[in-house]
Amino acid sequence: MAELSKATNTRPVNEVRKKKSFIKSNIHGWLFASPWIIGFLAFFAFPLIASIYFSFTTYSILKPGDFVGVQNYKELMQDDLFWKSIYNTIYFTIFYVPLSIIFGVALAMMLNMKVKGMAIYRTIFFLPTLVPHVALAVLWMWLLNPGFGLINGMLEIIGIQGPNWLGSETWSKPSLVLMSLWGIGQAVIIYLAGLGDIPNELYEAAEVDGANWWQKTRNVTIPLLTPVIFFNLVMGAIGAFQQFTLPYTMTQGQGTPANSLTFYVMYLYDNAFKYFQMGYASAMAWILFIIIMSLTAVIFITSNRWVHYQGK
């Protein structure tokens, strides 16, 4: 009986010790995580919630503003420049994202060849991604200058009259697509990693079956590279809808000519920090969020039809 009573008394003591140890470890964990939690709440969660409220007000930096309901959203639907910025952004996305995938995969396949000094070539093609966007814009403004630009000079040598790239409403957005394609080095690195993950045994089996280079590319390389293409497609689409630095730098924030380079985020920035219409800009930000989330959802839903994973 004495031993049974002693064992019964020690159980609550052990449970109390375990509970104290659990609470102590949790406190330590929360203390270590507290800098991130504070940063998340201060710089992400609070601004996110505040922007939802501000989108229903006339808030500006100088005045608190009044609650106007969905008036900002109604005005956006009647804003011609708003629709123009959406058109410009969608135009850029439709052309840039597919071209970046095509050129990125093709370049990665070339850089994946067993050639002496290939590391140097890979470095050269990656270097443009290290150039700041402002410097990149200044460089391309010189290259595309209609009077003394290098590109028009090269076209003139072969008898072609080069267009006024950045001064023409027709050629301004294609020029921006061309500039953006110059910096796809990061995507190429990801494609190279995907190519390195494809087993050589599959190529050897294809050769045994008599497959040529195109057949191996079509039936082995591209299908097994689709997970990487899927990732770059999602990230490319999100990045394209947030295009800002290049067109803003080239046009000094004017979006010229004829607002053909006024992109969505540029117009959002102007409303927020040039016109101080924070409520209006917040409404634009949430519309952009809905567009990007909807596009991403469509890509994810359709990925089951064309993304192939090894072993499945």
Protein backbone atom coordinates (compact mmCIF):
# COMPACT_ATOMS: atom_id res chain seq x y z
CA MET A 1 0.00 0.00 0.00
CA ALA A 2 2.85 2.38 0.81
CA GLU A 3 4.49 1.81 -2.58
CA LEU A 4 1.14 2.32 -4.37
CA SER A 5 0.56 5.58 -2.47
CA LYS A 6 4.07 6.78 -3.32
CA ALA A 7 3.58 6.04 -7.03
CA THR A 8 0.24 7.85 -6.99
CA ASN A 9 1.83 10.95 -5.47
CA THR A 10 4.67 11.08 -7.99
CA ARG A 11 2.33 11.11 -11.02
CA PRO A 12 0.95 14.64 -10.44
CA VAL A 13 4.48 15.89 -9.76
CA ASN A 14 5.74 14.46 -13.08
CA GLU A 15 2.75 15.89 -14.92
CA VAL A 16 3.39 19.35 -13.41
CA ARG A 17 7.07 19.17 -14.40
CA LYS A 18 6.18 18.15 -17.96
CA LYS A 19 3.66 20.96 -18.18
CA LYS A 20 6.19 23.53 -16.92
CA SER A 21 8.80 22.23 -19.35
CA PHE A 22 6.28 22.45 -22.22
CA ILE A 23 5.32 26.02 -21.32
CA LYS A 24 8.96 27.02 -20.96
CA SER A 25 9.91 25.59 -24.36
CA ASN A 26 6.91 27.33 -25.96
CA ILE A 27 7.92 30.66 -24.43
CA HIS A 28 11.44 30.26 -25.80
CA GLY A 29 10.04 29.38 -29.22
CA TRP A 30 7.75 32.42 -29.28
CA LEU A 31 10.61 34.68 -28.13
CA PHE A 32 12.84 33.48 -30.98
CA ALA A 33 9.98 33.87 -33.48
CA SER A 34 8.85 37.25 -32.12
CA PRO A 35 11.02 39.44 -34.43
CA TRP A 36 9.48 37.79 -37.49
CA ILE A 37 5.97 37.92 -36.00
CA ILE A 38 6.33 41.63 -35.19
CA GLY A 39 7.68 42.33 -38.67
CA PHE A 40 4.85 40.34 -40.25
CA LEU A 41 2.16 42.16 -38.30
CA ALA A 42 3.70 45.63 -38.73
CA PHE A 43 4.78 45.46 -42.36
CA PHE A 44 2.35 42.97 -43.93
CA ALA A 45 -0.77 42.09 -41.95
CA PHE A 46 -1.66 45.61 -40.77
CA PRO A 47 -1.04 47.32 -44.16
CA LEU A 48 -3.02 44.54 -45.87
CA ILE A 49 -6.04 44.98 -43.61
CA ALA A 50 -5.72 48.77 -43.71
CA SER A 51 -5.66 48.81 -47.53
CA ILE A 52 -8.96 46.92 -47.61
CA TYR A 53 -10.56 49.63 -45.50
CA PHE A 54 -8.86 52.47 -47.39
CA SER A 55 -10.17 51.13 -50.70
CA PHE A 56 -13.66 52.10 -49.50
CA THR A 57 -12.63 55.63 -48.48
CA THR A 58 -11.27 58.86 -49.97
CA TYR A 59 -8.20 58.58 -47.76
CA SER A 60 -5.07 60.49 -48.78
CA ILE A 61 -1.78 60.97 -47.01
CA LEU A 62 -2.79 64.51 -46.01
CA LYS A 63 -6.44 63.88 -45.04
CA PRO A 64 -8.16 60.95 -43.28
CA GLY A 65 -10.91 60.86 -45.91
CA ASP A 66 -14.52 59.70 -45.76
CA PHE A 67 -16.09 56.30 -46.18
CA VAL A 68 -17.61 56.13 -49.70
CA GLY A 69 -18.34 52.42 -50.05
CA VAL A 70 -17.66 51.03 -53.52
CA GLN A 71 -17.42 54.47 -55.14
CA ASN A 72 -13.70 54.04 -55.89
CA TYR A 73 -14.39 50.78 -57.72
CA LYS A 74 -17.22 52.41 -59.71
CA GLU A 75 -14.96 55.27 -60.75
CA LEU A 76 -12.27 52.81 -61.84
CA MET A 77 -14.75 51.11 -64.16
CA GLN A 78 -15.30 54.50 -65.87
CA ASP A 79 -11.60 55.48 -65.93
CA ASP A 80 -10.23 55.24 -69.49
CA LEU A 81 -6.60 55.29 -68.33
CA PHE A 82 -7.36 52.42 -65.95
CA TRP A 83 -8.55 50.26 -68.85
CA LYS A 84 -5.62 51.43 -70.98
CA SER A 85 -3.18 50.33 -68.29
CA ILE A 86 -4.89 46.93 -68.08
CA TYR A 87 -4.64 46.54 -71.86
CA ASN A 88 -0.94 47.45 -71.86
CA THR A 89 -0.23 45.03 -69.01
CA ILE A 90 -2.13 42.15 -70.62
CA TYR A 91 -0.44 42.85 -73.97
CA PHE A 92 2.98 42.66 -72.31
CA THR A 93 2.06 39.49 -70.41
CA ILE A 94 0.68 37.68 -73.48
CA PHE A 95 3.83 38.28 -75.51
CA TYR A 96 6.55 38.31 -72.87
CA VAL A 97 5.66 35.20 -70.84
CA PRO A 98 5.42 32.71 -73.76
CA LEU A 99 8.50 34.19 -75.47
CA SER A 100 10.49 34.04 -72.23
CA ILE A 101 9.61 30.35 -71.89
CA ILE A 102 10.48 29.54 -75.52
CA PHE A 103 13.78 31.44 -75.53
CA GLY A 104 14.60 30.32 -72.00
CA VAL A 105 14.17 26.62 -72.77
CA ALA A 106 16.03 26.91 -76.09
CA LEU A 107 18.91 28.79 -74.47
CA ALA A 108 19.07 26.32 -71.58
CA MET A 109 19.24 23.40 -74.00
CA MET A 110 22.13 25.06 -75.83
CA LEU A 111 23.93 25.81 -72.58
CA ASN A 112 23.40 22.20 -71.49
CA MET A 113 25.56 20.87 -74.33
CA LYS A 114 28.87 19.22 -73.50
CA VAL A 115 31.15 21.91 -74.93
CA LYS A 116 34.50 23.11 -73.60
CA GLY A 117 34.22 26.39 -71.71
CA MET A 118 30.43 26.10 -71.24
CA ALA A 119 30.68 27.59 -67.72
CA ILE A 120 31.93 30.83 -69.27
CA TYR A 121 29.01 30.96 -71.70
CA ARG A 122 26.54 30.33 -68.86
CA THR A 123 28.07 33.18 -66.89
CA ILE A 124 27.85 35.54 -69.87
CA PHE A 125 24.14 34.83 -70.40
CA PHE A 126 23.44 35.24 -66.67
CA LEU A 127 25.26 38.58 -66.31
CA PRO A 128 22.38 40.77 -67.68
CA THR A 129 20.21 39.74 -64.71
CA LEU A 130 22.73 41.42 -62.40
CA VAL A 131 22.33 44.80 -64.11
CA PRO A 132 19.98 47.15 -62.18
CA HIS A 133 16.77 47.87 -64.06
CA VAL A 134 17.44 51.60 -64.14
CA ALA A 135 20.84 51.04 -65.80
CA LEU A 136 19.20 48.50 -68.12
CA ALA A 137 16.60 51.07 -69.20
CA VAL A 138 19.26 53.71 -69.89
CA LEU A 139 21.30 51.21 -71.93
CA TRP A 140 18.34 50.17 -74.07
CA MET A 141 17.22 53.74 -74.59
CA TRP A 142 20.60 54.29 -76.24
CA LEU A 143 20.45 51.04 -78.24
CA LEU A 144 16.93 51.81 -79.52
CA ASN A 145 17.53 55.48 -80.27
CA PRO A 146 16.10 56.11 -83.79
CA GLY A 147 18.91 58.49 -84.76
CA PHE A 148 22.16 56.96 -83.52
CA GLY A 149 21.03 53.73 -81.86
CA LEU A 150 23.03 50.57 -82.49
CA ILE A 151 20.01 48.46 -83.50
CA ASN A 152 18.76 50.89 -86.16
CA GLY A 153 22.35 51.29 -87.34
CA MET A 154 22.67 47.53 -87.87
CA LEU A 155 19.29 47.44 -89.65
CA GLU A 156 20.39 50.26 -91.93
CA ILE A 157 23.44 48.24 -93.00
CA ILE A 158 21.17 45.55 -94.46
CA GLY A 159 18.87 48.12 -96.07
CA ILE A 160 16.07 48.24 -93.47
CA GLN A 161 14.77 51.53 -92.13
CA GLY A 162 14.50 51.05 -88.38
CA PRO A 163 11.37 52.31 -86.60
CA ASN A 164 11.16 54.90 -83.86
CA TRP A 165 11.12 52.19 -81.21
CA LEU A 166 10.25 54.08 -78.04
CA GLY A 167 8.59 57.05 -79.75
CA SER A 168 6.02 54.99 -81.64
CA GLU A 169 2.78 53.77 -80.10
CA THR A 170 3.04 50.65 -82.29
CA TRP A 171 6.61 49.71 -81.35
CA SER A 172 6.88 50.88 -77.73
CA LYS A 173 5.49 47.73 -76.10
CA PRO A 174 7.38 45.31 -78.41
CA SER A 175 10.52 47.26 -77.46
CA LEU A 176 9.79 46.65 -73.79
CA VAL A 177 9.25 42.94 -74.45
CA LEU A 178 12.64 42.85 -76.21
CA MET A 179 14.34 44.55 -73.26
CA SER A 180 12.76 42.16 -70.76
CA LEU A 181 13.82 39.10 -72.76
CA TRP A 182 17.42 40.26 -72.41
CA GLY A 183 17.26 39.45 -68.68
CA ILE A 184 15.89 35.89 -68.59
CA GLY A 185 19.12 34.51 -67.14
CA GLN A 186 17.49 33.50 -63.84
CA ALA A 187 14.85 31.42 -65.63
CA VAL A 188 17.58 29.82 -67.76
CA ILE A 189 19.40 28.69 -64.59
CA ILE A 190 16.20 27.02 -63.38
CA TYR A 191 15.71 25.33 -66.77
CA LEU A 192 19.31 24.09 -66.63
CA ALA A 193 18.62 22.54 -63.23
CA GLY A 194 15.53 20.85 -64.66
CA LEU A 195 17.49 19.51 -67.63
CA GLY A 196 20.13 18.12 -65.30
CA ASP A 197 17.43 16.21 -63.42
CA ILE A 198 16.32 14.25 -66.52
CA PRO A 199 17.87 10.73 -66.46
CA ASN A 200 20.25 9.94 -69.34
CA GLU A 201 18.74 6.44 -69.51
CA LEU A 202 15.63 7.90 -71.11
CA TYR A 203 17.67 9.45 -73.93
CA GLU A 204 19.57 6.20 -74.41
CA ALA A 205 16.31 4.26 -74.64
CA ALA A 206 15.00 6.77 -77.18
CA GLU A 207 18.15 6.36 -79.28
CA VAL A 208 17.71 2.58 -79.22
CA ASP A 209 14.20 3.08 -80.58
CA GLY A 210 15.66 5.20 -83.40
CA ALA A 211 14.49 8.62 -82.19
CA ASN A 212 16.19 11.67 -83.70
CA TRP A 213 17.03 14.94 -81.90
CA TRP A 214 13.61 16.50 -82.41
CA GLN A 215 11.76 13.36 -81.30
CA LYS A 216 13.86 13.13 -78.12
CA THR A 217 13.23 16.80 -77.41
CA ARG A 218 9.49 16.52 -78.04
CA ASN A 219 8.87 13.24 -76.23
CA VAL A 220 11.48 13.25 -73.46
CA THR A 221 12.92 16.69 -72.73
CA ILE A 222 9.84 18.91 -72.94
CA PRO A 223 7.44 16.60 -71.00
CA LEU A 224 9.92 16.11 -68.15
CA LEU A 225 10.71 19.83 -68.13
CA THR A 226 7.06 20.84 -67.73
CA PRO A 227 7.26 21.14 -63.89
CA VAL A 228 9.98 23.76 -64.31
CA ILE A 229 8.05 25.44 -67.14
CA PHE A 230 5.00 25.49 -64.88
CA PHE A 231 6.95 27.25 -62.12
CA ASN A 232 8.41 29.85 -64.48
CA LEU A 233 5.00 30.37 -66.09
CA VAL A 234 3.42 31.22 -62.74
CA MET A 235 6.28 33.46 -61.62
CA GLY A 236 6.55 35.08 -65.06
CA ALA A 237 2.85 35.90 -65.20
CA ILE A 238 2.90 37.42 -61.70
CA GLY A 239 6.02 39.43 -62.52
CA ALA A 240 4.61 40.63 -65.85
CA PHE A 241 1.47 42.00 -64.18
CA GLN A 242 3.71 43.89 -61.76
CA GLN A 243 5.93 45.44 -64.48
CA PHE A 244 7.02 48.85 -63.28
CA THR A 245 10.70 49.82 -63.21
CA LEU A 246 11.60 49.62 -66.92
CA PRO A 247 8.64 51.58 -68.36
CA TYR A 248 8.67 54.08 -65.50
CA THR A 249 12.38 54.81 -65.95
CA MET A 250 12.19 55.07 -69.75
CA THR A 251 9.24 57.44 -69.76
CA GLN A 252 10.04 59.34 -66.54
CA GLY A 253 6.68 58.15 -65.26
CA GLN A 254 4.72 59.66 -68.16
CA GLY A 255 3.86 56.41 -69.98
CA THR A 256 4.50 58.07 -73.34
CA PRO A 257 3.83 57.88 -76.24
CA ALA A 258 0.04 58.20 -75.91
CA ASN A 259 0.07 56.22 -72.65
CA SER A 260 1.19 53.12 -74.56
CA LEU A 261 3.71 52.40 -71.78
CA THR A 262 1.41 53.22 -68.86
CA PHE A 263 1.28 49.91 -67.05
CA TYR A 264 -1.12 48.99 -64.27
CA VAL A 265 1.35 49.30 -61.39
CA MET A 266 2.62 52.60 -62.83
CA TYR A 267 -0.89 54.06 -62.75
CA LEU A 268 -1.40 52.64 -59.26
CA TYR A 269 1.84 54.28 -58.11
CA ASP A 270 0.86 57.63 -59.64
CA ASN A 271 -2.50 57.62 -57.88
CA ALA A 272 -0.91 56.74 -54.55
CA PHE A 273 2.22 58.90 -54.47
CA LYS A 274 1.74 61.56 -57.15
CA TYR A 275 -1.96 62.40 -56.76
CA PHE A 276 -2.18 61.17 -53.11
CA GLN A 277 -5.39 59.25 -53.84
CA MET A 278 -4.60 56.39 -51.48
CA GLY A 279 -8.16 55.08 -51.41
CA TYR A 280 -8.29 54.95 -55.20
CA ALA A 281 -4.88 53.27 -55.34
CA SER A 282 -5.90 50.73 -52.69
CA ALA A 283 -8.91 49.77 -54.80
CA MET A 284 -6.59 49.31 -57.79
CA ALA A 285 -4.27 47.15 -55.67
CA TRP A 286 -7.09 44.79 -54.70
CA ILE A 287 -8.31 44.54 -58.28
CA LEU A 288 -4.75 43.60 -59.29
CA PHE A 289 -4.70 41.02 -56.49
CA ILE A 290 -7.92 39.46 -57.78
CA ILE A 291 -6.61 39.39 -61.37
CA ILE A 292 -3.32 37.74 -60.39
CA MET A 293 -5.00 35.22 -58.09
CA SER A 294 -7.54 34.31 -60.78
CA LEU A 295 -4.83 33.89 -63.41
CA THR A 296 -2.70 31.79 -61.05
CA ALA A 297 -5.73 29.63 -60.18
CA VAL A 298 -6.42 29.00 -63.88
CA ILE A 299 -2.79 27.98 -64.45
CA PHE A 300 -2.88 25.61 -61.48
CA ILE A 301 -6.20 24.06 -62.53
CA THR A 302 -5.05 23.46 -66.11
CA SER A 303 -1.62 22.18 -65.02
CA ASN A 304 -3.00 18.68 -64.48
CA ARG A 305 -3.39 18.35 -68.25
CA TRP A 306 0.10 19.28 -69.34
CA VAL A 307 2.52 19.05 -66.38
CA HIS A 308 4.21 15.67 -66.14
CA TYR A 309 6.22 14.54 -63.13
CA GLN A 310 8.80 11.77 -63.13
CA GLY A 311 7.49 8.52 -61.75
CA LYS A 312 3.84 9.36 -62.48
